[in-house]
Amino acid sequence: MSGIGLNAYLFVAGLLFALGFFGVLLRRNTLVIYMCMELMLNAVNLALVAFSRFNRTMDGNIFVFFIITVAAAEVAVGLAIIVALYRKRRTVQVEELNALSN
């Protein structure tokens, strides 16, 4: 095994997740919010791969494979929604997208 322990991987994963979480809470641009959500998803993937590696099983890697598959589909749908919102409202700011009826 390498010299890097499980705690280091979990620390980085927690840091990435916290960065993404606060990005979702604090940012107003929908594209940035979307990227922060992807950052949180990848933090979870990093933690799953780290647990899988240190437990010497493939369970975490299989979960990551499914998560990446779902994330790819989510990106396609999410970006399509953001582009449709931009075409309709000419903005990607969350404050200006507060009503769906107009």
PDB file of N, CA and C in Angstrom:
ATOM      1  N   MET A   1       0.842  -1.191   0.000  1.00  0.00           N
ATOM      2  CA  MET A   1       0.000   0.000   0.000  1.00  0.00           C
ATOM      3  C   MET A   1       0.872   1.234   0.000  1.00  0.00           C
ATOM      4  N   SER A   2       0.286   2.303  -0.465  1.00  0.00           N
ATOM      5  CA  SER A   2       1.024   3.555  -0.510  1.00  0.00           C
ATOM      6  C   SER A   2       1.091   4.167   0.886  1.00  0.00           C
ATOM      7  N   GLY A   3       1.851   5.223   1.007  1.00  0.00           N
ATOM      8  CA  GLY A   3       2.013   5.882   2.291  1.00  0.00           C
ATOM      9  C   GLY A   3       0.848   6.763   2.693  1.00  0.00           C
ATOM     10  N   ILE A   4      -0.073   6.988   1.765  1.00  0.00           N
ATOM     11  CA  ILE A   4      -1.216   7.844   2.057  1.00  0.00           C
ATOM     12  C   ILE A   4      -2.305   6.999   2.712  1.00  0.00           C
ATOM     13  N   GLY A   5      -2.772   7.448   3.856  1.00  0.00           N
ATOM     14  CA  GLY A   5      -3.776   6.684   4.597  1.00  0.00           C
ATOM     15  C   GLY A   5      -5.190   7.039   4.192  1.00  0.00           C
ATOM     16  N   LEU A   6      -6.116   6.275   4.743  1.00  0.00           N
ATOM     17  CA  LEU A   6      -7.536   6.486   4.461  1.00  0.00           C
ATOM     18  C   LEU A   6      -7.994   7.854   4.937  1.00  0.00           C
ATOM     19  N   ASN A   7      -7.443   8.306   6.052  1.00  0.00           N
ATOM     20  CA  ASN A   7      -7.845   9.612   6.591  1.00  0.00           C
ATOM     21  C   ASN A   7      -7.544  10.756   5.627  1.00  0.00           C
ATOM     22  N   ALA A   8      -6.442  10.660   4.918  1.00  0.00           N
ATOM     23  CA  ALA A   8      -6.098  11.715   3.963  1.00  0.00           C
ATOM     24  C   ALA A   8      -7.110  11.764   2.822  1.00  0.00           C
ATOM     25  N   TYR A   9      -7.495  10.598   2.320  1.00  0.00           N
ATOM     26  CA  TYR A   9      -8.504  10.563   1.246  1.00  0.00           C
ATOM     27  C   TYR A   9      -9.836  11.114   1.752  1.00  0.00           C
ATOM     28  N   LEU A  10     -10.213  10.707   2.951  1.00  0.00           N
ATOM     29  CA  LEU A  10     -11.488  11.177   3.490  1.00  0.00           C
ATOM     30  C   LEU A  10     -11.447  12.668   3.790  1.00  0.00           C
ATOM     31  N   PHE A  11     -10.300  13.168   4.199  1.00  0.00           N
ATOM     32  CA  PHE A  11     -10.168  14.602   4.435  1.00  0.00           C
ATOM     33  C   PHE A  11     -10.359  15.383   3.136  1.00  0.00           C
ATOM     34  N   VAL A  12      -9.709  14.927   2.071  1.00  0.00           N
ATOM     35  CA  VAL A  12      -9.854  15.608   0.778  1.00  0.00           C
ATOM     36  C   VAL A  12     -11.296  15.496   0.280  1.00  0.00           C
ATOM     37  N   ALA A  13     -11.897  14.325   0.445  1.00  0.00           N
ATOM     38  CA  ALA A  13     -13.288  14.153   0.021  1.00  0.00           C
ATOM     39  C   ALA A  13     -14.214  15.070   0.818  1.00  0.00           C
ATOM     40  N   GLY A  14     -13.987  15.174   2.106  1.00  0.00           N
ATOM     41  CA  GLY A  14     -14.799  16.063   2.936  1.00  0.00           C
ATOM     42  C   GLY A  14     -14.605  17.514   2.565  1.00  0.00           C
ATOM     43  N   LEU A  15     -13.364  17.873   2.257  1.00  0.00           N
ATOM     44  CA  LEU A  15     -13.073  19.246   1.839  1.00  0.00           C
ATOM     45  C   LEU A  15     -13.772  19.580   0.528  1.00  0.00           C
ATOM     46  N   LEU A  16     -13.711  18.656  -0.434  1.00  0.00           N
ATOM     47  CA  LEU A  16     -14.385  18.873  -1.715  1.00  0.00           C
ATOM     48  C   LEU A  16     -15.891  18.958  -1.530  1.00  0.00           C
ATOM     49  N   PHE A  17     -16.425  18.087  -0.682  1.00  0.00           N
ATOM     50  CA  PHE A  17     -17.871  18.113  -0.449  1.00  0.00           C
ATOM     51  C   PHE A  17     -18.299  19.421   0.209  1.00  0.00           C
ATOM     52  N   ALA A  18     -17.524  19.876   1.192  1.00  0.00           N
ATOM     53  CA  ALA A  18     -17.862  21.138   1.861  1.00  0.00           C
ATOM     54  C   ALA A  18     -17.765  22.312   0.894  1.00  0.00           C
ATOM     55  N   LEU A  19     -16.747  22.293   0.042  1.00  0.00           N
ATOM     56  CA  LEU A  19     -16.602  23.351  -0.963  1.00  0.00           C
ATOM     57  C   LEU A  19     -17.809  23.368  -1.902  1.00  0.00           C
ATOM     58  N   GLY A  20     -18.217  22.210  -2.353  1.00  0.00           N
ATOM     59  CA  GLY A  20     -19.389  22.128  -3.219  1.00  0.00           C
ATOM     60  C   GLY A  20     -20.658  22.525  -2.499  1.00  0.00           C
ATOM     61  N   PHE A  21     -20.802  22.118  -1.247  1.00  0.00           N
ATOM     62  CA  PHE A  21     -21.996  22.439  -0.467  1.00  0.00           C
ATOM     63  C   PHE A  21     -22.138  23.941  -0.269  1.00  0.00           C
ATOM     64  N   PHE A  22     -21.057  24.580   0.125  1.00  0.00           N
ATOM     65  CA  PHE A  22     -21.132  26.028   0.326  1.00  0.00           C
ATOM     66  C   PHE A  22     -21.267  26.769  -1.003  1.00  0.00           C
ATOM     67  N   GLY A  23     -20.738  26.189  -2.064  1.00  0.00           N
ATOM     68  CA  GLY A  23     -20.935  26.784  -3.382  1.00  0.00           C
ATOM     69  C   GLY A  23     -22.394  26.761  -3.787  1.00  0.00           C
ATOM     70  N   VAL A  24     -23.075  25.658  -3.509  1.00  0.00           N
ATOM     71  CA  VAL A  24     -24.509  25.572  -3.820  1.00  0.00           C
ATOM     72  C   VAL A  24     -25.293  26.564  -2.984  1.00  0.00           C
ATOM     73  N   LEU A  25     -24.908  26.717  -1.726  1.00  0.00           N
ATOM     74  CA  LEU A  25     -25.646  27.629  -0.849  1.00  0.00           C
ATOM     75  C   LEU A  25     -25.386  29.096  -1.160  1.00  0.00           C
ATOM     76  N   LEU A  26     -24.176  29.433  -1.553  1.00  0.00           N
ATOM     77  CA  LEU A  26     -23.803  30.836  -1.647  1.00  0.00           C
ATOM     78  C   LEU A  26     -23.834  31.425  -3.047  1.00  0.00           C
ATOM     79  N   ARG A  27     -23.694  30.642  -4.071  1.00  0.00           N
ATOM     80  CA  ARG A  27     -23.618  31.177  -5.426  1.00  0.00           C
ATOM     81  C   ARG A  27     -25.009  31.417  -5.993  1.00  0.00           C
ATOM     82  N   ARG A  28     -25.106  32.307  -6.957  1.00  0.00           N
ATOM     83  CA  ARG A  28     -26.386  32.665  -7.560  1.00  0.00           C
ATOM     84  C   ARG A  28     -26.490  32.266  -9.023  1.00  0.00           C
ATOM     85  N   ASN A  29     -25.396  31.893  -9.635  1.00  0.00           N
ATOM     86  CA  ASN A  29     -25.390  31.488 -11.034  1.00  0.00           C
ATOM     87  C   ASN A  29     -25.738  30.004 -11.127  1.00  0.00           C
ATOM     88  N   THR A  30     -26.697  29.647 -11.956  1.00  0.00           N
ATOM     89  CA  THR A  30     -27.137  28.255 -12.022  1.00  0.00           C
ATOM     90  C   THR A  30     -26.047  27.324 -12.544  1.00  0.00           C
ATOM     91  N   LEU A  31     -25.209  27.806 -13.435  1.00  0.00           N
ATOM     92  CA  LEU A  31     -24.124  26.956 -13.935  1.00  0.00           C
ATOM     93  C   LEU A  31     -23.107  26.659 -12.835  1.00  0.00           C
ATOM     94  N   VAL A  32     -22.801  27.659 -12.027  1.00  0.00           N
ATOM     95  CA  VAL A  32     -21.846  27.457 -10.925  1.00  0.00           C
ATOM     96  C   VAL A  32     -22.457  26.525  -9.879  1.00  0.00           C
ATOM     97  N   ILE A  33     -23.741  26.700  -9.603  1.00  0.00           N
ATOM     98  CA  ILE A  33     -24.425  25.802  -8.665  1.00  0.00           C
ATOM     99  C   ILE A  33     -24.369  24.368  -9.185  1.00  0.00           C
ATOM    100  N   TYR A  34     -24.572  24.225 -10.467  1.00  0.00           N
ATOM    101  CA  TYR A  34     -24.523  22.895 -11.083  1.00  0.00           C
ATOM    102  C   TYR A  34     -23.134  22.275 -10.961  1.00  0.00           C
ATOM    103  N   MET A  35     -22.095  23.079 -11.190  1.00  0.00           N
ATOM    104  CA  MET A  35     -20.727  22.575 -11.055  1.00  0.00           C
ATOM    105  C   MET A  35     -20.413  22.215  -9.606  1.00  0.00           C
ATOM    106  N   CYS A  36     -20.952  22.958  -8.658  1.00  0.00           N
ATOM    107  CA  CYS A  36     -20.731  22.658  -7.244  1.00  0.00           C
ATOM    108  C   CYS A  36     -21.409  21.340  -6.865  1.00  0.00           C
ATOM    109  N   MET A  37     -22.570  21.088  -7.460  1.00  0.00           N
ATOM    110  CA  MET A  37     -23.238  19.806  -7.205  1.00  0.00           C
ATOM    111  C   MET A  37     -22.407  18.650  -7.759  1.00  0.00           C
ATOM    112  N   GLU A  38     -21.791  18.853  -8.909  1.00  0.00           N
ATOM    113  CA  GLU A  38     -20.908  17.819  -9.474  1.00  0.00           C
ATOM    114  C   GLU A  38     -19.682  17.609  -8.587  1.00  0.00           C
ATOM    115  N   LEU A  39     -19.200  18.691  -7.985  1.00  0.00           N
ATOM    116  CA  LEU A  39     -18.059  18.585  -7.072  1.00  0.00           C
ATOM    117  C   LEU A  39     -18.417  17.727  -5.855  1.00  0.00           C
ATOM    118  N   MET A  40     -19.623  17.920  -5.331  1.00  0.00           N
ATOM    119  CA  MET A  40     -20.066  17.106  -4.197  1.00  0.00           C
ATOM    120  C   MET A  40     -20.195  15.644  -4.608  1.00  0.00           C
ATOM    121  N   LEU A  41     -20.703  15.405  -5.806  1.00  0.00           N
ATOM    122  CA  LEU A  41     -20.836  14.035  -6.302  1.00  0.00           C
ATOM    123  C   LEU A  41     -19.469  13.362  -6.436  1.00  0.00           C
ATOM    124  N   ASN A  42     -18.502  14.096  -6.930  1.00  0.00           N
ATOM    125  CA  ASN A  42     -17.163  13.528  -7.070  1.00  0.00           C
ATOM    126  C   ASN A  42     -16.477  13.343  -5.729  1.00  0.00           C
ATOM    127  N   ALA A  43     -16.812  14.147  -4.740  1.00  0.00           N
ATOM    128  CA  ALA A  43     -16.276  13.929  -3.394  1.00  0.00           C
ATOM    129  C   ALA A  43     -16.778  12.601  -2.838  1.00  0.00           C
ATOM    130  N   VAL A  44     -18.030  12.311  -3.068  1.00  0.00           N
ATOM    131  CA  VAL A  44     -18.586  11.029  -2.634  1.00  0.00           C
ATOM    132  C   VAL A  44     -17.902   9.885  -3.377  1.00  0.00           C
ATOM    133  N   ASN A  45     -17.664  10.071  -4.674  1.00  0.00           N
ATOM    134  CA  ASN A  45     -16.963   9.036  -5.443  1.00  0.00           C
ATOM    135  C   ASN A  45     -15.568   8.777  -4.890  1.00  0.00           C
ATOM    136  N   LEU A  46     -14.870   9.839  -4.528  1.00  0.00           N
ATOM    137  CA  LEU A  46     -13.521   9.688  -3.967  1.00  0.00           C
ATOM    138  C   LEU A  46     -13.561   8.909  -2.660  1.00  0.00           C
ATOM    139  N   ALA A  47     -14.538   9.207  -1.819  1.00  0.00           N
ATOM    140  CA  ALA A  47     -14.657   8.482  -0.549  1.00  0.00           C
ATOM    141  C   ALA A  47     -14.987   7.005  -0.795  1.00  0.00           C
ATOM    142  N   LEU A  48     -15.866   6.741  -1.749  1.00  0.00           N
ATOM    143  CA  LEU A  48     -16.211   5.342  -2.039  1.00  0.00           C
ATOM    144  C   LEU A  48     -15.015   4.562  -2.575  1.00  0.00           C
ATOM    145  N   VAL A  49     -14.243   5.185  -3.451  1.00  0.00           N
ATOM    146  CA  VAL A  49     -13.064   4.496  -3.989  1.00  0.00           C
ATOM    147  C   VAL A  49     -12.028   4.283  -2.892  1.00  0.00           C
ATOM    148  N   ALA A  50     -11.875   5.261  -2.011  1.00  0.00           N
ATOM    149  CA  ALA A  50     -10.909   5.110  -0.909  1.00  0.00           C
ATOM    150  C   ALA A  50     -11.323   3.969   0.017  1.00  0.00           C
ATOM    151  N   PHE A  51     -12.608   3.921   0.381  1.00  0.00           N
ATOM    152  CA  PHE A  51     -13.064   2.816   1.224  1.00  0.00           C
ATOM    153  C   PHE A  51     -12.890   1.481   0.517  1.00  0.00           C
ATOM    154  N   SER A  52     -13.186   1.452  -0.763  1.00  0.00           N
ATOM    155  CA  SER A  52     -13.041   0.218  -1.524  1.00  0.00           C
ATOM    156  C   SER A  52     -11.592  -0.243  -1.560  1.00  0.00           C
ATOM    157  N   ARG A  53     -10.687   0.716  -1.741  1.00  0.00           N
ATOM    158  CA  ARG A  53      -9.271   0.350  -1.816  1.00  0.00           C
ATOM    159  C   ARG A  53      -8.756  -0.164  -0.479  1.00  0.00           C
ATOM    160  N   PHE A  54      -9.143   0.506   0.593  1.00  0.00           N
ATOM    161  CA  PHE A  54      -8.596   0.110   1.890  1.00  0.00           C
ATOM    162  C   PHE A  54      -9.294  -1.114   2.463  1.00  0.00           C
ATOM    163  N   ASN A  55     -10.481  -1.416   1.993  1.00  0.00           N
ATOM    164  CA  ASN A  55     -11.148  -2.659   2.411  1.00  0.00           C
ATOM    165  C   ASN A  55     -10.859  -3.814   1.470  1.00  0.00           C
ATOM    166  N   ARG A  56     -10.150  -3.504   0.371  1.00  0.00           N
ATOM    167  CA  ARG A  56      -9.773  -4.509  -0.636  1.00  0.00           C
ATOM    168  C   ARG A  56     -10.979  -5.244  -1.211  1.00  0.00           C
ATOM    169  N   THR A  57     -12.002  -4.463  -1.523  1.00  0.00           N
ATOM    170  CA  THR A  57     -13.184  -5.011  -2.197  1.00  0.00           C
ATOM    171  C   THR A  57     -13.458  -4.165  -3.434  1.00  0.00           C
ATOM    172  N   MET A  58     -14.349  -4.637  -4.258  1.00  0.00           N
ATOM    173  CA  MET A  58     -14.721  -3.901  -5.463  1.00  0.00           C
ATOM    174  C   MET A  58     -16.070  -3.212  -5.311  1.00  0.00           C
ATOM    175  N   ASP A  59     -16.681  -3.295  -4.152  1.00  0.00           N
ATOM    176  CA  ASP A  59     -18.021  -2.728  -3.961  1.00  0.00           C
ATOM    177  C   ASP A  59     -18.042  -1.225  -4.239  1.00  0.00           C
ATOM    178  N   GLY A  60     -17.110  -0.492  -3.693  1.00  0.00           N
ATOM    179  CA  GLY A  60     -17.074   0.948  -3.893  1.00  0.00           C
ATOM    180  C   GLY A  60     -16.847   1.323  -5.340  1.00  0.00           C
ATOM    181  N   ASN A  61     -15.998   0.565  -6.025  1.00  0.00           N
ATOM    182  CA  ASN A  61     -15.744   0.850  -7.439  1.00  0.00           C
ATOM    183  C   ASN A  61     -16.998   0.632  -8.272  1.00  0.00           C
ATOM    184  N   ILE A  62     -17.775  -0.380  -7.922  1.00  0.00           N
ATOM    185  CA  ILE A  62     -19.024  -0.636  -8.653  1.00  0.00           C
ATOM    186  C   ILE A  62     -20.013   0.495  -8.408  1.00  0.00           C
ATOM    187  N   PHE A  63     -20.119   0.965  -7.168  1.00  0.00           N
ATOM    188  CA  PHE A  63     -20.983   2.119  -6.871  1.00  0.00           C
ATOM    189  C   PHE A  63     -20.546   3.339  -7.672  1.00  0.00           C
ATOM    190  N   VAL A  64     -19.246   3.571  -7.717  1.00  0.00           N
ATOM    191  CA  VAL A  64     -18.729   4.729  -8.453  1.00  0.00           C
ATOM    192  C   VAL A  64     -19.072   4.615  -9.931  1.00  0.00           C
ATOM    193  N   PHE A  65     -18.975   3.426 -10.486  1.00  0.00           N
ATOM    194  CA  PHE A  65     -19.340   3.225 -11.890  1.00  0.00           C
ATOM    195  C   PHE A  65     -20.797   3.633 -12.131  1.00  0.00           C
ATOM    196  N   PHE A  66     -21.694   3.208 -11.257  1.00  0.00           N
ATOM    197  CA  PHE A  66     -23.107   3.573 -11.418  1.00  0.00           C
ATOM    198  C   PHE A  66     -23.321   5.069 -11.186  1.00  0.00           C
ATOM    199  N   ILE A  67     -22.619   5.638 -10.207  1.00  0.00           N
ATOM    200  CA  ILE A  67     -22.769   7.069  -9.935  1.00  0.00           C
ATOM    201  C   ILE A  67     -22.297   7.890 -11.125  1.00  0.00           C
ATOM    202  N   ILE A  68     -21.194   7.499 -11.733  1.00  0.00           N
ATOM    203  CA  ILE A  68     -20.700   8.235 -12.899  1.00  0.00           C
ATOM    204  C   ILE A  68     -21.673   8.097 -14.065  1.00  0.00           C
ATOM    205  N   THR A  69     -22.275   6.928 -14.215  1.00  0.00           N
ATOM    206  CA  THR A  69     -23.262   6.733 -15.280  1.00  0.00           C
ATOM    207  C   THR A  69     -24.469   7.637 -15.064  1.00  0.00           C
ATOM    208  N   VAL A  70     -24.977   7.670 -13.840  1.00  0.00           N
ATOM    209  CA  VAL A  70     -26.128   8.529 -13.531  1.00  0.00           C
ATOM    210  C   VAL A  70     -25.738   9.995 -13.668  1.00  0.00           C
ATOM    211  N   ALA A  71     -24.520  10.352 -13.267  1.00  0.00           N
ATOM    212  CA  ALA A  71     -24.069  11.740 -13.361  1.00  0.00           C
ATOM    213  C   ALA A  71     -23.976  12.187 -14.813  1.00  0.00           C
ATOM    214  N   ALA A  72     -23.562  11.296 -15.702  1.00  0.00           N
ATOM    215  CA  ALA A  72     -23.484  11.661 -17.118  1.00  0.00           C
ATOM    216  C   ALA A  72     -24.875  11.974 -17.664  1.00  0.00           C
ATOM    217  N   ALA A  73     -25.844  11.165 -17.295  1.00  0.00           N
ATOM    218  CA  ALA A  73     -27.224  11.437 -17.730  1.00  0.00           C
ATOM    219  C   ALA A  73     -27.747  12.716 -17.090  1.00  0.00           C
ATOM    220  N   GLU A  74     -27.401  12.918 -15.831  1.00  0.00           N
ATOM    221  CA  GLU A  74     -27.832  14.119 -15.129  1.00  0.00           C
ATOM    222  C   GLU A  74     -27.262  15.373 -15.770  1.00  0.00           C
ATOM    223  N   VAL A  75     -26.025  15.315 -16.202  1.00  0.00           N
ATOM    224  CA  VAL A  75     -25.405  16.471 -16.860  1.00  0.00           C
ATOM    225  C   VAL A  75     -26.159  16.813 -18.132  1.00  0.00           C
ATOM    226  N   ALA A  76     -26.506  15.819 -18.911  1.00  0.00           N
ATOM    227  CA  ALA A  76     -27.222  16.084 -20.165  1.00  0.00           C
ATOM    228  C   ALA A  76     -28.572  16.739 -19.882  1.00  0.00           C
ATOM    229  N   VAL A  77     -29.319  16.205 -18.938  1.00  0.00           N
ATOM    230  CA  VAL A  77     -30.642  16.751 -18.619  1.00  0.00           C
ATOM    231  C   VAL A  77     -30.511  18.123 -17.958  1.00  0.00           C
ATOM    232  N   GLY A  78     -29.603  18.240 -17.021  1.00  0.00           N
ATOM    233  CA  GLY A  78     -29.442  19.505 -16.301  1.00  0.00           C
ATOM    234  C   GLY A  78     -29.003  20.642 -17.202  1.00  0.00           C
ATOM    235  N   LEU A  79     -28.034  20.387 -18.064  1.00  0.00           N
ATOM    236  CA  LEU A  79     -27.594  21.438 -18.972  1.00  0.00           C
ATOM    237  C   LEU A  79     -28.687  21.803 -19.963  1.00  0.00           C
ATOM    238  N   ALA A  80     -29.471  20.824 -20.391  1.00  0.00           N
ATOM    239  CA  ALA A  80     -30.593  21.125 -21.287  1.00  0.00           C
ATOM    240  C   ALA A  80     -31.608  22.030 -20.585  1.00  0.00           C
ATOM    241  N   ILE A  81     -31.881  21.776 -19.327  1.00  0.00           N
ATOM    242  CA  ILE A  81     -32.806  22.630 -18.567  1.00  0.00           C
ATOM    243  C   ILE A  81     -32.237  24.032 -18.408  1.00  0.00           C
ATOM    244  N   ILE A  82     -30.952  24.128 -18.093  1.00  0.00           N
ATOM    245  CA  ILE A  82     -30.344  25.450 -17.923  1.00  0.00           C
ATOM    246  C   ILE A  82     -30.348  26.222 -19.247  1.00  0.00           C
ATOM    247  N   VAL A  83     -30.049  25.563 -20.344  1.00  0.00           N
ATOM    248  CA  VAL A  83     -30.082  26.231 -21.649  1.00  0.00           C
ATOM    249  C   VAL A  83     -31.501  26.668 -22.000  1.00  0.00           C
ATOM    250  N   ALA A  84     -32.488  25.816 -21.700  1.00  0.00           N
ATOM    251  CA  ALA A  84     -33.881  26.184 -21.968  1.00  0.00           C
ATOM    252  C   ALA A  84     -34.296  27.384 -21.114  1.00  0.00           C
ATOM    253  N   LEU A  85     -33.886  27.401 -19.846  1.00  0.00           N
ATOM    254  CA  LEU A  85     -34.182  28.551 -18.990  1.00  0.00           C
ATOM    255  C   LEU A  85     -33.515  29.815 -19.512  1.00  0.00           C
ATOM    256  N   TYR A  86     -32.291  29.698 -19.966  1.00  0.00           N
ATOM    257  CA  TYR A  86     -31.589  30.867 -20.491  1.00  0.00           C
ATOM    258  C   TYR A  86     -32.283  31.384 -21.751  1.00  0.00           C
ATOM    259  N   ARG A  87     -32.705  30.489 -22.615  1.00  0.00           N
ATOM    260  CA  ARG A  87     -33.393  30.935 -23.833  1.00  0.00           C
ATOM    261  C   ARG A  87     -34.717  31.627 -23.509  1.00  0.00           C
ATOM    262  N   LYS A  88     -35.384  31.152 -22.475  1.00  0.00           N
ATOM    263  CA  LYS A  88     -36.673  31.727 -22.117  1.00  0.00           C
ATOM    264  C   LYS A  88     -36.521  33.053 -21.377  1.00  0.00           C
ATOM    265  N   ARG A  89     -35.589  33.118 -20.425  1.00  0.00           N
ATOM    266  CA  ARG A  89     -35.476  34.303 -19.560  1.00  0.00           C
ATOM    267  C   ARG A  89     -34.282  35.190 -19.844  1.00  0.00           C
ATOM    268  N   ARG A  90     -33.317  34.723 -20.624  1.00  0.00           N
ATOM    269  CA  ARG A  90     -32.091  35.472 -20.930  1.00  0.00           C
ATOM    270  C   ARG A  90     -31.252  35.752 -19.697  1.00  0.00           C
ATOM    271  N   THR A  91     -31.293  34.874 -18.723  1.00  0.00           N
ATOM    272  CA  THR A  91     -30.455  35.005 -17.542  1.00  0.00           C
ATOM    273  C   THR A  91     -30.271  33.622 -16.918  1.00  0.00           C
ATOM    274  N   VAL A  92     -29.167  33.493 -16.152  1.00  0.00           N
ATOM    275  CA  VAL A  92     -28.927  32.262 -15.406  1.00  0.00           C
ATOM    276  C   VAL A  92     -28.840  32.543 -13.910  1.00  0.00           C
ATOM    277  N   GLN A  93     -29.217  33.747 -13.510  1.00  0.00           N
ATOM    278  CA  GLN A  93     -29.184  34.121 -12.095  1.00  0.00           C
ATOM    279  C   GLN A  93     -30.392  33.540 -11.372  1.00  0.00           C
ATOM    280  N   VAL A  94     -30.177  32.953 -10.214  1.00  0.00           N
ATOM    281  CA  VAL A  94     -31.226  32.264  -9.476  1.00  0.00           C
ATOM    282  C   VAL A  94     -32.326  33.224  -9.024  1.00  0.00           C
ATOM    283  N   GLU A  95     -31.935  34.455  -8.626  1.00  0.00           N
ATOM    284  CA  GLU A  95     -32.941  35.405  -8.137  1.00  0.00           C
ATOM    285  C   GLU A  95     -33.966  35.747  -9.207  1.00  0.00           C
ATOM    286  N   GLU A  96     -33.553  35.751 -10.444  1.00  0.00           N
ATOM    287  CA  GLU A  96     -34.456  36.113 -11.527  1.00  0.00           C
ATOM    288  C   GLU A  96     -35.225  34.922 -12.076  1.00  0.00           C
ATOM    289  N   LEU A  97     -34.931  33.730 -11.587  1.00  0.00           N
ATOM    290  CA  LEU A  97     -35.620  32.518 -12.036  1.00  0.00           C
ATOM    291  C   LEU A  97     -36.523  31.986 -10.931  1.00  0.00           C
ATOM    292  N   ASN A  98     -37.121  32.862 -10.154  1.00  0.00           N
ATOM    293  CA  ASN A  98     -37.887  32.408  -8.998  1.00  0.00           C
ATOM    294  C   ASN A  98     -39.326  32.043  -9.321  1.00  0.00           C
ATOM    295  N   ALA A  99     -39.806  32.326 -10.499  1.00  0.00           N
ATOM    296  CA  ALA A  99     -41.176  31.968 -10.859  1.00  0.00           C
ATOM    297  C   ALA A  99     -41.166  31.136 -12.136  1.00  0.00           C
ATOM    298  N   LEU A 100     -41.929  30.068 -12.138  1.00  0.00           N
ATOM    299  CA  LEU A 100     -41.968  29.203 -13.306  1.00  0.00           C
ATOM    300  C   LEU A 100     -43.148  29.531 -14.220  1.00  0.00           C
ATOM    301  N   SER A 101     -44.047  30.408 -13.790  1.00  0.00           N
ATOM    302  CA  SER A 101     -45.255  30.642 -14.567  1.00  0.00           C
ATOM    303  C   SER A 101     -45.091  31.676 -15.672  1.00  0.00           C
ATOM    304  N   ASN A 102     -44.065  32.514 -15.626  1.00  0.00           N
ATOM    305  CA  ASN A 102     -43.904  33.564 -16.652  1.00  0.00           C
ATOM    306  C   ASN A 102     -43.117  33.091 -17.843  1.00  0.00           C
TER     307      ASN A 102
END
